[in-house]
Amino acid sequence: MAQTAGVKPMAIAGRVASERERCLGMTDAERAWRKQWLKDQVLASNEPVYVEEYWRERTNPIRRLYRKPLDVLFTKLMPVLGQERASNYRFIVGKLGMIAVGILSIQYYFKYNGNVSGNLLFTFKSHFIISNGLIYFLMLLGLDKERRLEGYDN
């Protein structure tokens, strides 16, 4: 869905958004409105506010379930690492964990289901991809041109 949910976005700054328009002259009402608008742009010291109940209502139970182990671990590490670093590490560890599960799933599939078709060439290629995955990935991206020119991508 679009960021504005189908409604055309409008500029809330109005005609005084540009400095040239402000220099041409503003009414007292426009000055008061701009002063209030600039004041509203300043965040309070406690913002952004984290409300646990709001987060719980906005995320589904399955997502909360698979996030729980890392949440518990990094909540305990937060006093040592700091809030920002702990949340960054939590994000990185979570993504690396999902990548590792994906790679292991692909390896399992090719290891135990690679010869289902009976095609020996397909089985060889599947083991080639698993054993030399990084090189094959670089060849697919076109970053390893030396090997590509030598014919290893066939």
N, C-alpha and C. Protein backbone atom coordinates (compact mmCIF):
# COMPACT_ATOMS: atom_id res chain seq x y z
N MET A 1 0.84 -1.17 0.00
CA MET A 1 0.00 0.00 0.00
C MET A 1 0.89 1.24 0.00
N ALA A 2 0.40 2.27 -0.63
CA ALA A 2 1.17 3.51 -0.70
C ALA A 2 1.28 4.13 0.69
N GLN A 3 2.30 4.98 0.83
CA GLN A 3 2.55 5.61 2.13
C GLN A 3 1.38 6.51 2.53
N THR A 4 0.70 7.09 1.55
CA THR A 4 -0.41 8.00 1.86
C THR A 4 -1.77 7.31 1.73
N ALA A 5 -1.78 5.99 1.52
CA ALA A 5 -3.01 5.20 1.42
C ALA A 5 -3.91 5.69 0.30
N GLY A 6 -3.33 6.09 -0.82
CA GLY A 6 -4.11 6.50 -1.97
C GLY A 6 -4.50 7.96 -1.98
N VAL A 7 -4.26 8.68 -0.92
CA VAL A 7 -4.58 10.10 -0.85
C VAL A 7 -3.36 10.88 -1.31
N LYS A 8 -3.58 11.91 -2.12
CA LYS A 8 -2.45 12.70 -2.59
C LYS A 8 -1.79 13.41 -1.41
N PRO A 9 -0.46 13.36 -1.34
CA PRO A 9 0.22 14.03 -0.22
C PRO A 9 0.14 15.54 -0.38
N MET A 10 0.08 16.20 0.76
CA MET A 10 0.06 17.67 0.71
C MET A 10 1.15 18.21 1.61
N ALA A 11 1.68 19.36 1.24
CA ALA A 11 2.73 19.99 2.02
C ALA A 11 2.09 20.75 3.18
N ILE A 12 2.45 20.41 4.40
CA ILE A 12 1.85 21.09 5.55
C ILE A 12 2.53 22.41 5.84
N ALA A 13 3.67 22.66 5.21
CA ALA A 13 4.37 23.92 5.44
C ALA A 13 3.68 25.08 4.75
N GLY A 14 2.90 24.76 3.73
CA GLY A 14 2.16 25.82 3.06
C GLY A 14 3.07 26.71 2.23
N ARG A 15 2.67 27.96 2.06
CA ARG A 15 3.40 28.89 1.19
C ARG A 15 4.69 29.37 1.84
N VAL A 16 4.84 29.23 3.15
CA VAL A 16 6.02 29.73 3.85
C VAL A 16 7.14 28.69 3.93
N ALA A 17 7.05 27.64 3.11
CA ALA A 17 8.10 26.62 3.11
C ALA A 17 9.40 27.17 2.53
N SER A 18 9.29 28.05 1.53
CA SER A 18 10.51 28.60 0.93
C SER A 18 10.86 29.93 1.60
N GLU A 19 12.13 30.19 1.67
CA GLU A 19 12.61 31.41 2.32
C GLU A 19 12.17 32.65 1.53
N ARG A 20 12.09 32.53 0.24
CA ARG A 20 11.69 33.66 -0.59
C ARG A 20 10.27 34.10 -0.26
N GLU A 21 9.38 33.13 -0.08
CA GLU A 21 7.99 33.46 0.26
C GLU A 21 7.91 34.12 1.63
N ARG A 22 8.74 33.67 2.55
CA ARG A 22 8.71 34.27 3.90
C ARG A 22 9.22 35.70 3.86
N CYS A 23 10.21 35.98 3.01
CA CYS A 23 10.76 37.34 2.92
C CYS A 23 9.80 38.32 2.27
N LEU A 24 8.90 37.81 1.42
CA LEU A 24 7.94 38.70 0.75
C LEU A 24 6.95 39.30 1.75
N GLY A 25 6.77 38.64 2.83
CA GLY A 25 5.86 39.17 3.84
C GLY A 25 4.90 38.12 4.34
N MET A 26 4.76 38.07 5.64
CA MET A 26 3.85 37.12 6.27
C MET A 26 2.91 37.92 7.16
N THR A 27 1.69 37.43 7.25
CA THR A 27 0.74 38.07 8.16
C THR A 27 1.07 37.63 9.57
N ASP A 28 0.47 38.29 10.55
CA ASP A 28 0.69 37.90 11.96
C ASP A 28 0.19 36.48 12.22
N ALA A 29 -0.91 36.12 11.58
CA ALA A 29 -1.44 34.77 11.76
C ALA A 29 -0.46 33.74 11.18
N GLU A 30 0.12 34.04 10.03
CA GLU A 30 1.09 33.12 9.44
C GLU A 30 2.35 33.01 10.29
N ARG A 31 2.79 34.12 10.86
CA ARG A 31 3.97 34.09 11.75
C ARG A 31 3.71 33.22 12.98
N ALA A 32 2.52 33.40 13.58
CA ALA A 32 2.17 32.60 14.76
C ALA A 32 2.08 31.12 14.38
N TRP A 33 1.49 30.85 13.21
CA TRP A 33 1.35 29.46 12.77
C TRP A 33 2.73 28.84 12.52
N ARG A 34 3.64 29.58 11.86
CA ARG A 34 4.98 29.07 11.59
C ARG A 34 5.77 28.87 12.87
N LYS A 35 5.63 29.79 13.82
CA LYS A 35 6.32 29.66 15.10
C LYS A 35 5.87 28.38 15.82
N GLN A 36 4.57 28.14 15.82
CA GLN A 36 4.04 26.93 16.45
C GLN A 36 4.50 25.69 15.70
N TRP A 37 4.53 25.75 14.37
CA TRP A 37 4.94 24.61 13.57
C TRP A 37 6.41 24.26 13.84
N LEU A 38 7.30 25.26 13.91
CA LEU A 38 8.70 25.02 14.22
C LEU A 38 8.87 24.46 15.63
N LYS A 39 8.06 24.94 16.55
CA LYS A 39 8.11 24.44 17.93
C LYS A 39 7.67 22.98 18.00
N ASP A 40 6.71 22.61 17.17
CA ASP A 40 6.21 21.23 17.15
C ASP A 40 7.21 20.25 16.56
N GLN A 41 8.17 20.74 15.78
CA GLN A 41 9.15 19.86 15.15
C GLN A 41 10.22 19.38 16.13
N VAL A 42 10.35 20.02 17.27
CA VAL A 42 11.35 19.66 18.26
C VAL A 42 10.82 18.50 19.10
N LEU A 43 11.61 17.44 19.22
CA LEU A 43 11.20 16.28 19.99
C LEU A 43 11.46 16.52 21.48
N ALA A 44 10.63 15.92 22.29
CA ALA A 44 10.85 15.97 23.73
C ALA A 44 12.02 15.05 24.09
N SER A 45 12.53 15.19 25.29
CA SER A 45 13.69 14.40 25.70
C SER A 45 13.36 12.92 25.84
N ASN A 46 12.12 12.57 26.09
CA ASN A 46 11.74 11.17 26.29
C ASN A 46 11.23 10.51 25.01
N GLU A 47 11.28 11.19 23.87
CA GLU A 47 10.79 10.60 22.64
C GLU A 47 11.91 9.91 21.89
N PRO A 48 11.67 8.88 21.16
CA PRO A 48 10.40 8.20 20.99
C PRO A 48 10.05 7.35 22.19
N VAL A 49 8.79 7.26 22.50
CA VAL A 49 8.30 6.52 23.65
C VAL A 49 8.02 5.08 23.23
N TYR A 50 8.55 4.13 23.97
CA TYR A 50 8.31 2.71 23.70
C TYR A 50 7.21 2.22 24.63
N VAL A 51 6.10 1.77 24.04
CA VAL A 51 4.98 1.27 24.82
C VAL A 51 4.85 -0.23 24.53
N GLU A 52 5.08 -1.04 25.54
CA GLU A 52 5.09 -2.50 25.39
C GLU A 52 3.74 -3.02 24.88
N GLU A 53 2.65 -2.51 25.42
CA GLU A 53 1.32 -3.00 25.02
C GLU A 53 1.04 -2.68 23.55
N TYR A 54 1.48 -1.51 23.10
CA TYR A 54 1.29 -1.14 21.69
C TYR A 54 2.05 -2.11 20.79
N TRP A 55 3.31 -2.42 21.14
CA TRP A 55 4.10 -3.36 20.35
C TRP A 55 3.45 -4.73 20.34
N ARG A 56 2.94 -5.16 21.48
CA ARG A 56 2.32 -6.48 21.59
C ARG A 56 1.07 -6.57 20.71
N GLU A 57 0.30 -5.50 20.64
CA GLU A 57 -0.90 -5.50 19.81
C GLU A 57 -0.57 -5.42 18.32
N ARG A 58 0.55 -4.80 17.97
CA ARG A 58 0.89 -4.59 16.57
C ARG A 58 1.62 -5.77 15.93
N THR A 59 2.21 -6.67 16.71
CA THR A 59 2.93 -7.81 16.14
C THR A 59 2.17 -9.10 16.42
N ASN A 60 2.24 -10.01 15.45
CA ASN A 60 1.48 -11.25 15.62
C ASN A 60 2.21 -12.21 16.56
N PRO A 61 1.49 -13.16 17.14
CA PRO A 61 2.09 -14.08 18.12
C PRO A 61 3.22 -14.93 17.58
N ILE A 62 3.16 -15.32 16.31
CA ILE A 62 4.22 -16.16 15.74
C ILE A 62 5.52 -15.37 15.67
N ARG A 63 5.43 -14.11 15.25
CA ARG A 63 6.64 -13.28 15.19
C ARG A 63 7.22 -13.09 16.58
N ARG A 64 6.39 -12.85 17.57
CA ARG A 64 6.88 -12.68 18.94
C ARG A 64 7.53 -13.97 19.43
N LEU A 65 7.00 -15.13 19.01
CA LEU A 65 7.54 -16.41 19.44
C LEU A 65 8.95 -16.64 18.89
N TYR A 66 9.15 -16.43 17.58
CA TYR A 66 10.49 -16.71 17.04
C TYR A 66 11.49 -15.62 17.38
N ARG A 67 11.05 -14.45 17.80
CA ARG A 67 11.97 -13.39 18.21
C ARG A 67 12.35 -13.48 19.69
N LYS A 68 11.61 -14.25 20.46
CA LYS A 68 11.79 -14.29 21.91
C LYS A 68 13.20 -14.69 22.36
N PRO A 69 13.82 -15.75 21.80
CA PRO A 69 15.16 -16.13 22.30
C PRO A 69 16.20 -15.02 22.18
N LEU A 70 16.26 -14.38 21.03
CA LEU A 70 17.24 -13.30 20.87
C LEU A 70 16.85 -12.06 21.68
N ASP A 71 15.56 -11.83 21.84
CA ASP A 71 15.13 -10.70 22.68
C ASP A 71 15.60 -10.88 24.11
N VAL A 72 15.43 -12.10 24.64
CA VAL A 72 15.86 -12.37 26.01
C VAL A 72 17.37 -12.23 26.15
N LEU A 73 18.11 -12.79 25.19
CA LEU A 73 19.57 -12.73 25.24
C LEU A 73 20.07 -11.29 25.19
N PHE A 74 19.58 -10.51 24.24
CA PHE A 74 20.10 -9.16 24.08
C PHE A 74 19.52 -8.18 25.09
N THR A 75 18.42 -8.53 25.74
CA THR A 75 17.94 -7.70 26.85
C THR A 75 18.92 -7.81 28.02
N LYS A 76 19.45 -9.02 28.23
CA LYS A 76 20.44 -9.20 29.30
C LYS A 76 21.78 -8.56 28.95
N LEU A 77 22.11 -8.49 27.66
CA LEU A 77 23.37 -7.88 27.24
C LEU A 77 23.27 -6.35 27.09
N MET A 78 22.07 -5.81 27.14
CA MET A 78 21.89 -4.38 26.93
C MET A 78 22.65 -3.50 27.92
N PRO A 79 22.71 -3.83 29.22
CA PRO A 79 23.49 -2.98 30.12
C PRO A 79 24.99 -2.97 29.79
N VAL A 80 25.48 -4.06 29.23
CA VAL A 80 26.91 -4.15 28.90
C VAL A 80 27.20 -3.45 27.57
N LEU A 81 26.38 -3.72 26.55
CA LEU A 81 26.63 -3.21 25.21
C LEU A 81 26.06 -1.82 24.96
N GLY A 82 25.01 -1.47 25.66
CA GLY A 82 24.29 -0.24 25.35
C GLY A 82 23.10 -0.58 24.46
N GLN A 83 22.08 0.26 24.49
CA GLN A 83 20.84 -0.06 23.79
C GLN A 83 21.02 -0.12 22.28
N GLU A 84 21.70 0.86 21.71
CA GLU A 84 21.82 0.89 20.25
C GLU A 84 22.68 -0.26 19.73
N ARG A 85 23.81 -0.50 20.36
CA ARG A 85 24.69 -1.58 19.91
C ARG A 85 24.02 -2.95 20.10
N ALA A 86 23.31 -3.13 21.22
CA ALA A 86 22.63 -4.40 21.45
C ALA A 86 21.55 -4.64 20.39
N SER A 87 20.80 -3.60 20.04
CA SER A 87 19.77 -3.79 19.01
C SER A 87 20.39 -4.04 17.65
N ASN A 88 21.53 -3.40 17.35
CA ASN A 88 22.21 -3.67 16.08
C ASN A 88 22.74 -5.10 16.04
N TYR A 89 23.35 -5.56 17.12
CA TYR A 89 23.86 -6.93 17.17
C TYR A 89 22.72 -7.94 17.09
N ARG A 90 21.61 -7.64 17.73
CA ARG A 90 20.45 -8.52 17.69
C ARG A 90 19.94 -8.66 16.26
N PHE A 91 19.90 -7.56 15.54
CA PHE A 91 19.46 -7.57 14.14
C PHE A 91 20.41 -8.41 13.29
N ILE A 92 21.72 -8.20 13.46
CA ILE A 92 22.72 -8.90 12.66
C ILE A 92 22.70 -10.40 12.96
N VAL A 93 22.65 -10.76 14.24
CA VAL A 93 22.63 -12.18 14.62
C VAL A 93 21.37 -12.86 14.09
N GLY A 94 20.25 -12.18 14.16
CA GLY A 94 19.00 -12.75 13.64
C GLY A 94 19.08 -13.01 12.14
N LYS A 95 19.58 -12.03 11.40
CA LYS A 95 19.69 -12.20 9.94
C LYS A 95 20.70 -13.28 9.58
N LEU A 96 21.85 -13.31 10.27
CA LEU A 96 22.83 -14.36 10.00
C LEU A 96 22.27 -15.74 10.33
N GLY A 97 21.46 -15.82 11.38
CA GLY A 97 20.82 -17.09 11.73
C GLY A 97 19.86 -17.56 10.64
N MET A 98 19.08 -16.63 10.11
CA MET A 98 18.16 -17.00 9.03
C MET A 98 18.92 -17.41 7.76
N ILE A 99 20.01 -16.72 7.47
CA ILE A 99 20.83 -17.08 6.30
C ILE A 99 21.44 -18.47 6.50
N ALA A 100 21.92 -18.76 7.71
CA ALA A 100 22.52 -20.06 8.00
C ALA A 100 21.49 -21.18 7.85
N VAL A 101 20.28 -20.96 8.35
CA VAL A 101 19.22 -21.97 8.22
C VAL A 101 18.89 -22.17 6.75
N GLY A 102 18.85 -21.10 5.97
CA GLY A 102 18.59 -21.22 4.54
C GLY A 102 19.66 -22.01 3.82
N ILE A 103 20.92 -21.70 4.12
CA ILE A 103 22.03 -22.41 3.47
C ILE A 103 22.03 -23.89 3.86
N LEU A 104 21.79 -24.17 5.14
CA LEU A 104 21.75 -25.57 5.57
C LEU A 104 20.56 -26.31 4.95
N SER A 105 19.44 -25.62 4.77
CA SER A 105 18.28 -26.25 4.12
C SER A 105 18.58 -26.58 2.67
N ILE A 106 19.23 -25.65 1.98
CA ILE A 106 19.60 -25.90 0.58
C ILE A 106 20.61 -27.04 0.50
N GLN A 107 21.58 -27.06 1.40
CA GLN A 107 22.57 -28.13 1.40
C GLN A 107 21.89 -29.48 1.65
N TYR A 108 20.97 -29.52 2.61
CA TYR A 108 20.25 -30.76 2.91
C TYR A 108 19.47 -31.23 1.68
N TYR A 109 18.79 -30.30 1.02
CA TYR A 109 18.01 -30.67 -0.15
C TYR A 109 18.90 -31.28 -1.23
N PHE A 110 19.99 -30.59 -1.56
CA PHE A 110 20.84 -31.09 -2.63
C PHE A 110 21.60 -32.36 -2.22
N LYS A 111 21.90 -32.49 -0.96
CA LYS A 111 22.63 -33.67 -0.52
C LYS A 111 21.76 -34.92 -0.56
N TYR A 112 20.51 -34.81 -0.09
CA TYR A 112 19.67 -35.99 0.02
C TYR A 112 18.62 -36.12 -1.08
N ASN A 113 18.38 -35.07 -1.86
CA ASN A 113 17.38 -35.15 -2.92
C ASN A 113 17.97 -34.82 -4.28
N GLY A 114 19.27 -34.75 -4.40
CA GLY A 114 19.89 -34.34 -5.65
C GLY A 114 19.79 -35.36 -6.76
N ASN A 115 19.68 -36.64 -6.45
CA ASN A 115 19.68 -37.69 -7.47
C ASN A 115 18.28 -38.24 -7.71
N VAL A 116 17.28 -37.50 -7.32
CA VAL A 116 15.91 -37.98 -7.50
C VAL A 116 15.58 -38.13 -8.98
N SER A 117 16.06 -37.19 -9.80
CA SER A 117 15.75 -37.23 -11.23
C SER A 117 16.55 -38.31 -11.96
N GLY A 118 17.60 -38.84 -11.33
CA GLY A 118 18.43 -39.84 -11.98
C GLY A 118 19.43 -39.24 -12.94
N ASN A 119 19.46 -37.94 -13.03
CA ASN A 119 20.36 -37.26 -13.94
C ASN A 119 21.70 -37.05 -13.24
N LEU A 120 22.73 -37.74 -13.73
CA LEU A 120 24.04 -37.67 -13.10
C LEU A 120 24.64 -36.27 -13.20
N LEU A 121 24.42 -35.60 -14.32
CA LEU A 121 24.94 -34.25 -14.49
C LEU A 121 24.30 -33.29 -13.49
N PHE A 122 22.98 -33.44 -13.28
CA PHE A 122 22.30 -32.60 -12.30
C PHE A 122 22.86 -32.83 -10.90
N THR A 123 23.12 -34.08 -10.55
CA THR A 123 23.69 -34.39 -9.24
C THR A 123 25.07 -33.77 -9.08
N PHE A 124 25.90 -33.86 -10.13
CA PHE A 124 27.23 -33.26 -10.07
C PHE A 124 27.13 -31.75 -9.90
N LYS A 125 26.23 -31.11 -10.66
CA LYS A 125 26.08 -29.67 -10.55
C LYS A 125 25.61 -29.26 -9.16
N SER A 126 24.71 -30.04 -8.57
CA SER A 126 24.21 -29.67 -7.24
C SER A 126 25.34 -29.74 -6.22
N HIS A 127 26.21 -30.74 -6.30
CA HIS A 127 27.33 -30.81 -5.37
C HIS A 127 28.36 -29.73 -5.67
N PHE A 128 28.51 -29.37 -6.93
CA PHE A 128 29.41 -28.28 -7.29
C PHE A 128 28.93 -26.97 -6.68
N ILE A 129 27.63 -26.73 -6.76
CA ILE A 129 27.08 -25.49 -6.21
C ILE A 129 27.28 -25.44 -4.70
N ILE A 130 27.04 -26.54 -4.01
CA ILE A 130 27.18 -26.56 -2.56
C ILE A 130 28.64 -26.41 -2.15
N SER A 131 29.54 -27.15 -2.82
CA SER A 131 30.94 -27.12 -2.39
C SER A 131 31.63 -25.82 -2.78
N ASN A 132 31.25 -25.21 -3.88
CA ASN A 132 31.87 -23.97 -4.33
C ASN A 132 30.83 -22.87 -4.44
N GLY A 133 29.99 -22.75 -3.44
CA GLY A 133 28.86 -21.83 -3.49
C GLY A 133 29.25 -20.39 -3.70
N LEU A 134 30.27 -19.92 -3.02
CA LEU A 134 30.66 -18.52 -3.14
C LEU A 134 31.18 -18.22 -4.54
N ILE A 135 32.00 -19.10 -5.07
CA ILE A 135 32.55 -18.88 -6.42
C ILE A 135 31.41 -18.90 -7.44
N TYR A 136 30.51 -19.84 -7.29
CA TYR A 136 29.38 -19.93 -8.22
C TYR A 136 28.51 -18.69 -8.12
N PHE A 137 28.29 -18.21 -6.92
CA PHE A 137 27.48 -17.00 -6.71
C PHE A 137 28.15 -15.80 -7.38
N LEU A 138 29.46 -15.69 -7.23
CA LEU A 138 30.19 -14.59 -7.87
C LEU A 138 30.12 -14.70 -9.40
N MET A 139 30.18 -15.93 -9.89
CA MET A 139 30.07 -16.11 -11.34
C MET A 139 28.70 -15.70 -11.83
N LEU A 140 27.65 -16.04 -11.07
CA LEU A 140 26.31 -15.65 -11.46
C LEU A 140 26.16 -14.14 -11.49
N LEU A 141 26.81 -13.46 -10.56
CA LEU A 141 26.75 -12.01 -10.52
C LEU A 141 27.65 -11.37 -11.56
N GLY A 142 28.56 -12.14 -12.13
CA GLY A 142 29.47 -11.60 -13.12
C GLY A 142 30.68 -10.92 -12.51
N LEU A 143 30.93 -11.15 -11.21
CA LEU A 143 32.05 -10.51 -10.55
C LEU A 143 33.35 -11.30 -10.71
N ASP A 144 33.24 -12.57 -11.03
CA ASP A 144 34.42 -13.41 -11.16
C ASP A 144 34.63 -13.70 -12.65
N LYS A 145 35.07 -12.71 -13.41
CA LYS A 145 35.15 -12.82 -14.86
C LYS A 145 36.26 -13.76 -15.31
N GLU A 146 37.31 -13.91 -14.51
CA GLU A 146 38.40 -14.80 -14.91
C GLU A 146 37.89 -16.23 -15.04
N ARG A 147 37.16 -16.70 -14.03
CA ARG A 147 36.65 -18.06 -14.08
C ARG A 147 35.56 -18.19 -15.15
N ARG A 148 34.79 -17.13 -15.33
CA ARG A 148 33.72 -17.17 -16.31
C ARG A 148 34.32 -17.31 -17.71
N LEU A 149 35.42 -16.61 -17.96
CA LEU A 149 36.06 -16.71 -19.27
C LEU A 149 36.69 -18.07 -19.47
N GLU A 150 37.11 -18.73 -18.40
CA GLU A 150 37.71 -20.05 -18.53
C GLU A 150 36.66 -21.13 -18.71
N GLY A 151 35.38 -20.80 -18.55
CA GLY A 151 34.32 -21.77 -18.81
C GLY A 151 33.85 -22.52 -17.59
N TYR A 152 34.08 -22.02 -16.37
CA TYR A 152 33.63 -22.72 -15.19
C TYR A 152 32.15 -22.52 -14.90
N ASP A 153 31.49 -21.62 -15.61
CA ASP A 153 30.09 -21.35 -15.29
C ASP A 153 29.15 -22.26 -16.05
N ASN A 154 29.64 -23.21 -16.82
CA ASN A 154 28.77 -24.12 -17.56
C ASN A 154 28.32 -25.27 -16.69
